[in-house]
N, C-alpha and C. Protein backbone atom coordinates (compact mmCIF):
# COMPACT_ATOMS: atom_id res chain seq x y z
N MET A 1 -47.30 28.83 160.45
CA MET A 1 -47.71 28.80 159.07
C MET A 1 -49.21 28.96 158.92
N ALA A 2 -49.97 28.38 159.79
CA ALA A 2 -51.42 28.42 159.66
C ALA A 2 -51.93 29.85 159.76
N PHE A 3 -51.32 30.66 160.62
CA PHE A 3 -51.75 32.05 160.77
C PHE A 3 -51.50 32.82 159.47
N ALA A 4 -50.32 32.65 158.88
CA ALA A 4 -49.99 33.34 157.63
C ALA A 4 -50.93 32.91 156.51
N ASP A 5 -51.26 31.63 156.47
CA ASP A 5 -52.19 31.14 155.45
C ASP A 5 -53.57 31.76 155.64
N GLU A 6 -53.98 31.89 156.89
CA GLU A 6 -55.30 32.46 157.18
C GLU A 6 -55.34 33.95 156.78
N VAL A 7 -54.26 34.67 157.05
CA VAL A 7 -54.18 36.09 156.64
C VAL A 7 -54.27 36.19 155.12
N GLN A 8 -53.57 35.31 154.43
CA GLN A 8 -53.64 35.30 152.95
C GLN A 8 -55.06 35.01 152.48
N ARG A 9 -55.70 34.04 153.11
CA ARG A 9 -57.06 33.64 152.70
C ARG A 9 -58.04 34.79 152.91
N ILE A 10 -57.95 35.47 154.06
CA ILE A 10 -58.87 36.57 154.36
C ILE A 10 -58.53 37.79 153.50
N GLY A 11 -57.26 38.02 153.26
CA GLY A 11 -56.82 39.20 152.51
C GLY A 11 -57.08 39.11 151.01
N ALA A 12 -57.17 37.92 150.46
CA ALA A 12 -57.32 37.75 149.01
C ALA A 12 -58.55 38.48 148.46
N PRO A 13 -59.74 38.32 149.06
CA PRO A 13 -60.90 39.05 148.51
C PRO A 13 -60.76 40.57 148.64
N VAL A 14 -60.12 41.03 149.69
CA VAL A 14 -59.92 42.47 149.87
C VAL A 14 -58.99 42.99 148.78
N ARG A 15 -57.90 42.25 148.50
CA ARG A 15 -56.98 42.67 147.44
C ARG A 15 -57.67 42.67 146.08
N ARG A 16 -58.49 41.65 145.81
CA ARG A 16 -59.24 41.61 144.54
C ARG A 16 -60.18 42.80 144.43
N TRP A 17 -60.88 43.09 145.52
CA TRP A 17 -61.79 44.23 145.53
C TRP A 17 -61.03 45.52 145.27
N ALA A 18 -59.87 45.72 145.94
CA ALA A 18 -59.07 46.94 145.77
C ALA A 18 -58.58 47.07 144.33
N ARG A 19 -58.12 45.97 143.72
CA ARG A 19 -57.67 46.01 142.32
C ARG A 19 -58.83 46.39 141.39
N THR A 20 -60.01 45.85 141.64
CA THR A 20 -61.18 46.18 140.83
C THR A 20 -61.52 47.65 140.96
N GLN A 21 -61.51 48.18 142.18
CA GLN A 21 -61.81 49.60 142.39
C GLN A 21 -60.80 50.49 141.68
N LYS A 22 -59.53 50.12 141.78
CA LYS A 22 -58.48 50.91 141.12
C LYS A 22 -58.67 50.90 139.62
N ARG A 23 -58.91 49.73 139.06
CA ARG A 23 -59.08 49.60 137.61
C ARG A 23 -60.28 50.43 137.13
N GLU A 24 -61.38 50.34 137.85
CA GLU A 24 -62.58 51.08 137.45
C GLU A 24 -62.43 52.59 137.67
N TYR A 25 -61.70 52.99 138.69
CA TYR A 25 -61.52 54.41 138.97
C TYR A 25 -60.54 55.06 137.99
N THR A 26 -59.40 54.40 137.74
CA THR A 26 -58.32 55.04 136.98
C THR A 26 -58.57 55.08 135.48
N ASN A 27 -59.45 54.22 134.98
CA ASN A 27 -59.77 54.22 133.56
C ASN A 27 -58.51 54.13 132.70
N GLY A 28 -57.55 53.31 133.12
CA GLY A 28 -56.32 53.09 132.37
C GLY A 28 -55.20 54.07 132.66
N GLU A 29 -55.46 55.11 133.42
CA GLU A 29 -54.42 56.09 133.78
C GLU A 29 -53.66 55.59 135.00
N GLU A 30 -52.41 56.01 135.11
CA GLU A 30 -51.62 55.68 136.30
C GLU A 30 -52.00 56.65 137.42
N ARG A 31 -52.67 56.17 138.42
CA ARG A 31 -53.03 56.97 139.58
C ARG A 31 -52.52 56.26 140.83
N PRO A 32 -51.96 57.02 141.77
CA PRO A 32 -51.34 56.43 142.95
C PRO A 32 -52.33 56.20 144.10
N LEU A 33 -53.38 55.44 143.86
CA LEU A 33 -54.39 55.27 144.90
C LEU A 33 -53.81 54.67 146.17
N ALA A 34 -52.96 53.67 146.05
CA ALA A 34 -52.36 53.07 147.24
C ALA A 34 -51.47 54.08 147.96
N GLY A 35 -50.70 54.86 147.19
CA GLY A 35 -49.86 55.89 147.78
C GLY A 35 -50.69 56.98 148.45
N ASP A 36 -51.79 57.36 147.80
CA ASP A 36 -52.68 58.36 148.41
C ASP A 36 -53.29 57.83 149.70
N LEU A 37 -53.67 56.57 149.68
CA LEU A 37 -54.21 55.94 150.89
C LEU A 37 -53.15 55.93 151.99
N GLY A 38 -51.92 55.65 151.61
CA GLY A 38 -50.81 55.68 152.58
C GLY A 38 -50.61 57.07 153.16
N ALA A 39 -50.67 58.10 152.29
CA ALA A 39 -50.51 59.49 152.76
C ALA A 39 -51.63 59.85 153.72
N MET A 40 -52.86 59.42 153.40
CA MET A 40 -53.98 59.68 154.31
C MET A 40 -53.76 58.98 155.64
N GLY A 41 -53.23 57.77 155.60
CA GLY A 41 -52.93 57.03 156.83
C GLY A 41 -51.87 57.72 157.66
N VAL A 42 -50.82 58.22 157.00
CA VAL A 42 -49.77 58.95 157.72
C VAL A 42 -50.35 60.21 158.36
N TYR A 43 -51.15 60.94 157.60
CA TYR A 43 -51.77 62.16 158.12
C TYR A 43 -52.63 61.82 159.34
N ALA A 44 -53.50 60.84 159.20
CA ALA A 44 -54.38 60.46 160.31
C ALA A 44 -53.57 60.00 161.53
N GLY A 45 -52.51 59.25 161.29
CA GLY A 45 -51.66 58.79 162.38
C GLY A 45 -50.96 59.94 163.10
N LEU A 46 -50.45 60.90 162.31
CA LEU A 46 -49.79 62.05 162.93
C LEU A 46 -50.77 62.90 163.73
N VAL A 47 -51.97 63.11 163.18
CA VAL A 47 -52.98 63.89 163.90
C VAL A 47 -53.38 63.17 165.18
N ALA A 48 -53.57 61.85 165.11
CA ALA A 48 -53.95 61.08 166.30
C ALA A 48 -52.84 61.15 167.36
N ALA A 49 -51.58 60.99 166.93
CA ALA A 49 -50.47 61.04 167.88
C ALA A 49 -50.35 62.42 168.51
N ALA A 50 -50.46 63.47 167.69
CA ALA A 50 -50.36 64.83 168.22
C ALA A 50 -51.53 65.14 169.15
N SER A 51 -52.72 64.69 168.79
CA SER A 51 -53.89 64.90 169.64
C SER A 51 -53.72 64.19 170.98
N ALA A 52 -53.20 62.96 170.93
CA ALA A 52 -52.96 62.22 172.17
C ALA A 52 -51.91 62.92 173.03
N ALA A 53 -50.88 63.47 172.40
CA ALA A 53 -49.85 64.19 173.14
C ALA A 53 -50.41 65.44 173.80
N VAL A 54 -51.26 66.16 173.07
CA VAL A 54 -51.88 67.36 173.64
C VAL A 54 -52.77 66.97 174.81
N ARG A 55 -53.53 65.92 174.63
CA ARG A 55 -54.43 65.47 175.71
C ARG A 55 -53.62 65.01 176.93
N ALA A 56 -52.55 64.27 176.70
CA ALA A 56 -51.71 63.79 177.80
C ALA A 56 -51.02 64.94 178.54
N SER A 57 -50.78 66.03 177.82
CA SER A 57 -50.11 67.17 178.46
C SER A 57 -51.06 67.94 179.39
N GLY A 58 -52.36 67.66 179.28
CA GLY A 58 -53.33 68.34 180.12
C GLY A 58 -53.76 69.70 179.58
N ARG A 59 -53.29 70.06 178.41
CA ARG A 59 -53.69 71.34 177.81
C ARG A 59 -55.16 71.32 177.46
N GLU A 60 -55.80 72.42 177.71
CA GLU A 60 -57.21 72.57 177.35
C GLU A 60 -57.30 73.13 175.94
N LEU A 61 -58.29 72.65 175.18
CA LEU A 61 -58.54 73.24 173.87
C LEU A 61 -59.17 74.61 174.08
N PRO A 62 -58.82 75.57 173.24
CA PRO A 62 -59.42 76.89 173.41
C PRO A 62 -60.93 76.84 173.16
N GLU A 63 -61.67 77.62 173.92
CA GLU A 63 -63.11 77.72 173.72
C GLU A 63 -63.38 78.26 172.32
N ARG A 64 -62.60 79.25 171.94
CA ARG A 64 -62.69 79.83 170.60
C ARG A 64 -61.34 80.42 170.26
N ILE A 65 -61.12 80.59 168.98
CA ILE A 65 -59.89 81.21 168.52
C ILE A 65 -60.25 82.62 168.07
N PRO A 66 -59.59 83.63 168.60
CA PRO A 66 -59.89 85.00 168.19
C PRO A 66 -59.75 85.17 166.67
N VAL A 67 -60.58 86.02 166.10
CA VAL A 67 -60.59 86.24 164.66
C VAL A 67 -59.20 86.62 164.15
N GLY A 68 -58.52 87.47 164.89
CA GLY A 68 -57.17 87.88 164.49
C GLY A 68 -56.22 86.71 164.39
N ASP A 69 -56.28 85.79 165.35
CA ASP A 69 -55.43 84.60 165.30
C ASP A 69 -55.83 83.70 164.14
N GLY A 70 -57.14 83.58 163.92
CA GLY A 70 -57.60 82.78 162.79
C GLY A 70 -57.10 83.32 161.47
N PHE A 71 -57.15 84.63 161.32
CA PHE A 71 -56.66 85.28 160.10
C PHE A 71 -55.15 85.06 159.97
N LEU A 72 -54.42 85.26 161.05
CA LEU A 72 -52.97 85.09 161.07
C LEU A 72 -52.60 83.67 160.64
N LEU A 73 -53.25 82.67 161.22
CA LEU A 73 -52.97 81.28 160.90
C LEU A 73 -53.37 80.94 159.46
N THR A 74 -54.44 81.53 158.96
CA THR A 74 -54.89 81.28 157.59
C THR A 74 -53.87 81.80 156.58
N VAL A 75 -53.45 83.04 156.76
CA VAL A 75 -52.47 83.62 155.82
C VAL A 75 -51.15 82.87 155.92
N ALA A 76 -50.74 82.52 157.13
CA ALA A 76 -49.50 81.78 157.30
C ALA A 76 -49.57 80.40 156.65
N THR A 77 -50.72 79.75 156.75
CA THR A 77 -50.91 78.45 156.11
C THR A 77 -50.78 78.59 154.60
N PHE A 78 -51.43 79.60 154.03
CA PHE A 78 -51.31 79.85 152.59
C PHE A 78 -49.85 80.03 152.19
N ARG A 79 -49.14 80.92 152.90
CA ARG A 79 -47.78 81.26 152.50
C ARG A 79 -46.83 80.08 152.66
N LEU A 80 -46.93 79.35 153.77
CA LEU A 80 -46.01 78.23 153.99
C LEU A 80 -46.31 77.07 153.03
N ALA A 81 -47.57 76.78 152.77
CA ALA A 81 -47.90 75.72 151.82
C ALA A 81 -47.38 76.07 150.43
N ARG A 82 -47.54 77.31 150.03
CA ARG A 82 -47.05 77.73 148.71
C ARG A 82 -45.53 77.72 148.69
N ARG A 83 -44.90 78.12 149.79
CA ARG A 83 -43.43 78.11 149.86
C ARG A 83 -42.90 76.69 149.68
N ILE A 84 -43.51 75.73 150.36
CA ILE A 84 -43.06 74.34 150.25
C ILE A 84 -43.31 73.80 148.85
N ALA A 85 -44.46 74.12 148.24
CA ALA A 85 -44.86 73.52 146.97
C ALA A 85 -44.23 74.15 145.74
N LYS A 86 -43.91 75.44 145.80
CA LYS A 86 -43.55 76.14 144.57
C LYS A 86 -42.24 76.91 144.60
N ASP A 87 -41.66 77.12 145.76
CA ASP A 87 -40.48 77.97 145.87
C ASP A 87 -39.23 77.26 145.37
N PRO A 88 -38.38 77.95 144.60
CA PRO A 88 -37.12 77.31 144.16
C PRO A 88 -36.24 76.88 145.32
N VAL A 89 -36.27 77.62 146.43
CA VAL A 89 -35.40 77.30 147.57
C VAL A 89 -35.79 75.97 148.21
N THR A 90 -37.05 75.59 148.15
CA THR A 90 -37.48 74.33 148.75
C THR A 90 -37.45 73.17 147.74
N ALA A 91 -36.91 73.41 146.55
CA ALA A 91 -36.82 72.36 145.53
C ALA A 91 -36.08 71.11 146.03
N PRO A 92 -35.04 71.23 146.86
CA PRO A 92 -34.39 70.00 147.34
C PRO A 92 -35.33 69.05 148.10
N LEU A 93 -36.37 69.58 148.73
CA LEU A 93 -37.34 68.73 149.42
C LEU A 93 -38.18 67.94 148.42
N ARG A 94 -38.46 68.57 147.28
CA ARG A 94 -39.32 67.95 146.26
C ARG A 94 -38.54 67.12 145.25
N ALA A 95 -37.25 67.40 145.09
CA ALA A 95 -36.43 66.81 144.02
C ALA A 95 -36.49 65.28 143.94
N PRO A 96 -36.52 64.54 145.03
CA PRO A 96 -36.58 63.07 144.89
C PRO A 96 -37.87 62.56 144.25
N PHE A 97 -38.87 63.43 144.15
CA PHE A 97 -40.19 62.99 143.69
C PHE A 97 -40.64 63.63 142.38
N VAL A 98 -39.99 64.75 141.99
CA VAL A 98 -40.45 65.50 140.82
C VAL A 98 -39.29 65.87 139.91
N ARG A 99 -39.65 66.35 138.72
CA ARG A 99 -38.68 66.82 137.74
C ARG A 99 -38.98 68.29 137.46
N PHE A 100 -37.93 69.10 137.41
CA PHE A 100 -38.05 70.53 137.10
C PHE A 100 -38.53 70.69 135.67
N GLU A 101 -39.54 71.52 135.46
CA GLU A 101 -40.08 71.77 134.12
C GLU A 101 -39.80 73.20 133.65
N GLY A 102 -39.60 74.13 134.58
CA GLY A 102 -39.33 75.51 134.20
C GLY A 102 -39.87 76.48 135.23
N ALA A 103 -39.77 77.76 134.89
CA ALA A 103 -40.29 78.80 135.77
C ALA A 103 -41.82 78.81 135.67
N SER A 104 -42.43 79.25 136.74
CA SER A 104 -43.89 79.31 136.79
C SER A 104 -44.29 80.53 137.61
N GLY A 105 -44.48 81.65 136.98
CA GLY A 105 -44.84 82.85 137.72
C GLY A 105 -43.62 83.46 138.38
N HIS A 106 -43.87 84.46 139.20
CA HIS A 106 -42.79 85.15 139.89
C HIS A 106 -42.21 84.27 141.00
N ALA A 107 -40.93 83.98 140.91
CA ALA A 107 -40.19 83.25 141.95
C ALA A 107 -40.82 81.90 142.30
N GLU A 108 -41.39 81.24 141.30
CA GLU A 108 -41.95 79.90 141.50
C GLU A 108 -41.51 78.99 140.37
N VAL A 109 -41.56 77.70 140.63
CA VAL A 109 -41.17 76.73 139.61
C VAL A 109 -42.32 75.79 139.29
N ALA A 110 -42.26 75.26 138.07
CA ALA A 110 -43.21 74.23 137.65
C ALA A 110 -42.46 72.90 137.68
N GLU A 111 -43.07 71.90 138.24
CA GLU A 111 -42.44 70.58 138.34
C GLU A 111 -43.48 69.52 137.99
N GLU A 112 -42.97 68.39 137.54
CA GLU A 112 -43.83 67.27 137.17
C GLU A 112 -43.41 66.04 137.97
N VAL A 113 -44.37 65.27 138.38
CA VAL A 113 -44.11 64.04 139.13
C VAL A 113 -43.23 63.12 138.28
N ARG A 114 -42.18 62.56 138.89
CA ARG A 114 -41.23 61.71 138.16
C ARG A 114 -41.74 60.31 137.89
N GLU A 115 -42.29 59.68 138.89
CA GLU A 115 -42.75 58.30 138.75
C GLU A 115 -44.27 58.27 138.81
N HIS A 116 -44.86 57.53 137.90
CA HIS A 116 -46.33 57.46 137.87
C HIS A 116 -46.79 56.19 138.54
N GLY A 117 -47.73 56.36 139.45
CA GLY A 117 -48.22 55.25 140.26
C GLY A 117 -47.35 55.09 141.49
N GLY A 118 -47.91 54.60 142.55
CA GLY A 118 -47.16 54.29 143.76
C GLY A 118 -46.96 55.45 144.70
N ALA A 119 -46.19 55.18 145.74
CA ALA A 119 -46.00 56.14 146.83
C ALA A 119 -45.23 57.38 146.38
N LYS A 120 -44.20 57.22 145.54
CA LYS A 120 -43.43 58.39 145.09
C LYS A 120 -44.31 59.35 144.29
N HIS A 121 -45.22 58.81 143.52
CA HIS A 121 -46.16 59.64 142.76
C HIS A 121 -47.05 60.42 143.74
N ALA A 122 -47.59 59.73 144.72
CA ALA A 122 -48.47 60.37 145.69
C ALA A 122 -47.74 61.48 146.45
N VAL A 123 -46.52 61.20 146.88
CA VAL A 123 -45.74 62.21 147.61
C VAL A 123 -45.40 63.38 146.69
N GLY A 124 -45.03 63.08 145.44
CA GLY A 124 -44.75 64.15 144.48
C GLY A 124 -45.93 65.06 144.26
N GLU A 125 -47.12 64.46 144.11
CA GLU A 125 -48.32 65.28 143.94
C GLU A 125 -48.59 66.12 145.18
N LEU A 126 -48.43 65.53 146.36
CA LEU A 126 -48.65 66.26 147.60
C LEU A 126 -47.68 67.43 147.72
N LEU A 127 -46.41 67.20 147.44
CA LEU A 127 -45.39 68.23 147.63
C LEU A 127 -45.45 69.35 146.60
N THR A 128 -46.13 69.14 145.48
CA THR A 128 -46.21 70.19 144.46
C THR A 128 -47.58 70.86 144.42
N CYS A 129 -48.45 70.50 145.33
CA CYS A 129 -49.81 71.04 145.34
C CYS A 129 -50.02 71.89 146.60
N PRO A 130 -50.00 73.23 146.45
CA PRO A 130 -50.19 74.05 147.64
C PRO A 130 -51.56 73.85 148.29
N PHE A 131 -52.55 73.48 147.51
CA PHE A 131 -53.88 73.23 148.07
C PHE A 131 -53.85 71.98 148.95
N CYS A 132 -53.14 70.95 148.49
CA CYS A 132 -53.02 69.70 149.25
C CYS A 132 -52.19 69.92 150.52
N LEU A 133 -51.09 70.63 150.37
CA LEU A 133 -50.21 70.88 151.51
C LEU A 133 -50.86 71.75 152.57
N ALA A 134 -51.80 72.60 152.16
CA ALA A 134 -52.45 73.49 153.13
C ALA A 134 -53.12 72.70 154.25
N GLN A 135 -53.65 71.52 153.93
CA GLN A 135 -54.27 70.67 154.97
C GLN A 135 -53.24 70.29 156.03
N TRP A 136 -52.06 69.87 155.57
CA TRP A 136 -51.00 69.45 156.48
C TRP A 136 -50.44 70.64 157.26
N VAL A 137 -50.16 71.71 156.56
CA VAL A 137 -49.60 72.91 157.20
C VAL A 137 -50.60 73.51 158.19
N GLY A 138 -51.85 73.63 157.77
CA GLY A 138 -52.88 74.17 158.65
C GLY A 138 -53.07 73.34 159.90
N THR A 139 -53.04 72.02 159.73
CA THR A 139 -53.15 71.13 160.89
C THR A 139 -51.97 71.35 161.84
N GLY A 140 -50.78 71.50 161.27
CA GLY A 140 -49.60 71.77 162.09
C GLY A 140 -49.73 73.06 162.87
N PHE A 141 -50.22 74.10 162.20
CA PHE A 141 -50.42 75.38 162.89
C PHE A 141 -51.47 75.26 164.00
N VAL A 142 -52.55 74.56 163.74
CA VAL A 142 -53.60 74.42 164.76
C VAL A 142 -53.07 73.63 165.96
N LEU A 143 -52.39 72.53 165.70
CA LEU A 143 -51.84 71.75 166.81
C LEU A 143 -50.79 72.56 167.57
N GLY A 144 -49.99 73.32 166.83
CA GLY A 144 -49.02 74.20 167.47
C GLY A 144 -49.70 75.27 168.30
N TYR A 145 -50.80 75.79 167.79
CA TYR A 145 -51.56 76.83 168.49
C TYR A 145 -52.10 76.30 169.82
N VAL A 146 -52.53 75.05 169.82
CA VAL A 146 -53.04 74.45 171.06
C VAL A 146 -51.90 74.16 172.03
N ALA A 147 -50.78 73.63 171.51
CA ALA A 147 -49.68 73.21 172.38
C ALA A 147 -48.80 74.38 172.83
N ALA A 148 -48.54 75.30 171.93
CA ALA A 148 -47.65 76.43 172.24
C ALA A 148 -48.14 77.66 171.50
N PRO A 149 -49.21 78.29 171.98
CA PRO A 149 -49.84 79.38 171.23
C PRO A 149 -48.91 80.56 170.94
N ARG A 150 -48.11 80.95 171.89
CA ARG A 150 -47.26 82.12 171.67
C ARG A 150 -46.22 81.85 170.59
N ALA A 151 -45.56 80.72 170.66
CA ALA A 151 -44.55 80.38 169.65
C ALA A 151 -45.20 80.20 168.28
N THR A 152 -46.38 79.61 168.25
CA THR A 152 -47.07 79.41 166.98
C THR A 152 -47.50 80.74 166.38
N ARG A 153 -47.98 81.66 167.21
CA ARG A 153 -48.33 82.99 166.71
C ARG A 153 -47.12 83.67 166.09
N LEU A 154 -45.95 83.53 166.73
CA LEU A 154 -44.73 84.14 166.18
C LEU A 154 -44.36 83.51 164.83
N ALA A 155 -44.43 82.19 164.75
CA ALA A 155 -44.13 81.52 163.47
C ALA A 155 -45.13 81.93 162.41
N ALA A 156 -46.41 81.98 162.78
CA ALA A 156 -47.45 82.38 161.83
C ALA A 156 -47.29 83.84 161.44
N LEU A 157 -46.90 84.68 162.38
CA LEU A 157 -46.66 86.09 162.06
C LEU A 157 -45.55 86.22 161.02
N THR A 158 -44.50 85.43 161.16
CA THR A 158 -43.41 85.48 160.19
C THR A 158 -43.92 85.17 158.79
N MET A 159 -44.68 84.08 158.65
CA MET A 159 -45.18 83.70 157.33
C MET A 159 -46.22 84.71 156.82
N THR A 160 -47.01 85.29 157.70
CA THR A 160 -47.98 86.31 157.30
C THR A 160 -47.26 87.56 156.82
N MET A 161 -46.18 87.93 157.49
CA MET A 161 -45.38 89.07 157.05
C MET A 161 -44.78 88.80 155.67
N VAL A 162 -44.32 87.58 155.44
CA VAL A 162 -43.76 87.22 154.13
C VAL A 162 -44.85 87.33 153.06
N ALA A 163 -46.06 86.87 153.37
CA ALA A 163 -47.16 86.98 152.40
C ALA A 163 -47.47 88.44 152.11
N GLY A 164 -47.49 89.26 153.13
CA GLY A 164 -47.72 90.70 152.92
C GLY A 164 -46.61 91.31 152.09
N SER A 165 -45.38 90.93 152.37
CA SER A 165 -44.25 91.41 151.59
C SER A 165 -44.36 90.98 150.13
N ASP A 166 -44.83 89.75 149.90
CA ASP A 166 -45.02 89.27 148.52
C ASP A 166 -45.99 90.19 147.78
N VAL A 167 -47.10 90.54 148.43
CA VAL A 167 -48.09 91.42 147.80
C VAL A 167 -47.44 92.76 147.47
N LEU A 168 -46.69 93.31 148.41
CA LEU A 168 -46.03 94.59 148.16
C LEU A 168 -45.00 94.48 147.03
N GLN A 169 -44.30 93.34 146.94
CA GLN A 169 -43.34 93.14 145.84
C GLN A 169 -44.06 93.17 144.49
N PHE A 170 -45.22 92.52 144.42
CA PHE A 170 -45.99 92.52 143.17
C PHE A 170 -46.49 93.93 142.83
N VAL A 171 -46.96 94.65 143.82
CA VAL A 171 -47.42 96.02 143.59
C VAL A 171 -46.26 96.89 143.12
N TYR A 172 -45.14 96.79 143.80
CA TYR A 172 -43.96 97.58 143.42
C TYR A 172 -43.53 97.24 141.99
N ASP A 173 -43.50 95.94 141.68
CA ASP A 173 -43.13 95.50 140.34
C ASP A 173 -44.10 96.06 139.29
N ALA A 174 -45.38 96.06 139.61
CA ALA A 174 -46.39 96.60 138.69
C ALA A 174 -46.18 98.10 138.48
N ILE A 175 -45.86 98.81 139.55
CA ILE A 175 -45.60 100.25 139.44
C ILE A 175 -44.36 100.48 138.58
N GLN A 176 -43.29 99.75 138.84
CA GLN A 176 -42.04 99.90 138.09
C GLN A 176 -42.22 99.61 136.61
N ASN A 177 -43.06 98.65 136.30
CA ASN A 177 -43.26 98.23 134.91
C ASN A 177 -44.44 98.92 134.24
N GLY A 178 -45.04 99.88 134.92
CA GLY A 178 -46.15 100.62 134.34
C GLY A 178 -47.44 99.85 134.29
N GLY A 179 -47.53 98.74 134.99
CA GLY A 179 -48.73 97.92 134.97
C GLY A 179 -49.95 98.61 135.54
N LEU A 180 -49.77 99.43 136.53
CA LEU A 180 -50.91 100.13 137.13
C LEU A 180 -51.40 101.26 136.22
N GLU A 181 -50.48 101.91 135.48
CA GLU A 181 -50.88 102.97 134.56
C GLU A 181 -51.77 102.41 133.45
N GLN A 182 -51.42 101.26 132.92
CA GLN A 182 -52.21 100.65 131.84
C GLN A 182 -53.61 100.32 132.33
N GLN A 183 -53.72 99.81 133.52
CA GLN A 183 -55.03 99.48 134.07
C GLN A 183 -55.84 100.75 134.30
N THR A 184 -55.21 101.79 134.80
CA THR A 184 -55.91 103.05 135.05
C THR A 184 -56.41 103.64 133.74
N GLU A 185 -55.58 103.62 132.68
CA GLU A 185 -55.99 104.14 131.37
C GLU A 185 -57.19 103.37 130.84
N GLY A 186 -57.17 102.08 130.98
CA GLY A 186 -58.27 101.24 130.50
C GLY A 186 -59.57 101.54 131.24
N VAL A 187 -59.48 101.78 132.53
CA VAL A 187 -60.66 102.12 133.33
C VAL A 187 -61.19 103.47 132.92
N GLU A 188 -60.27 104.45 132.71
CA GLU A 188 -60.70 105.79 132.30
C GLU A 188 -61.37 105.76 130.93
N GLN A 189 -60.82 104.97 130.00
CA GLN A 189 -61.41 104.86 128.67
C GLN A 189 -62.77 104.19 128.71
N ALA A 190 -62.91 103.19 129.56
CA ALA A 190 -64.19 102.47 129.67
C ALA A 190 -65.27 103.35 130.27
N SER A 191 -64.88 104.28 131.17
CA SER A 191 -65.89 105.11 131.81
C SER A 191 -66.25 106.33 130.96
N SER A 192 -65.49 106.62 129.90
CA SER A 192 -65.76 107.77 129.03
C SER A 192 -66.89 107.54 128.08
């Protein structure tokens, strides 16, 4: 009992400080600061565990990453983060945390966080934000690149090909719908 009482005694000022910080930061809005802190802890823990595993395996970190591989991993990170955050096919991953709001652009959905405040809010924001997910996805690609470079290059190549295909789909759609003709006419008129 004495140990639990001591933990309570030491923890009380920290909890008061955290409540004060939250109140002053949120300005009355529901913000998932504790959930965000938890997500940061999970991220840091996963990176530490993966780094320890790489170190224990005896793998050497690359002196440098070739520009081509860097580009491949960058485009793949963009495409996979966007796929997880916005694609209708990955909606089942997000469904426990968000509510469908409607279509959002070509082959993407708009969703809103279901619960405000807490861990579910933080996870919902993470899963619907391609910018936020890029940190996690990029870290996964980098760790994969160190542990299994050939397999990671193949996975990254797949996502990079999908991103390239997306661009071509948009170009094709613009051609089919006369979008490029309208832009060309506007440029010609402006230069006259």
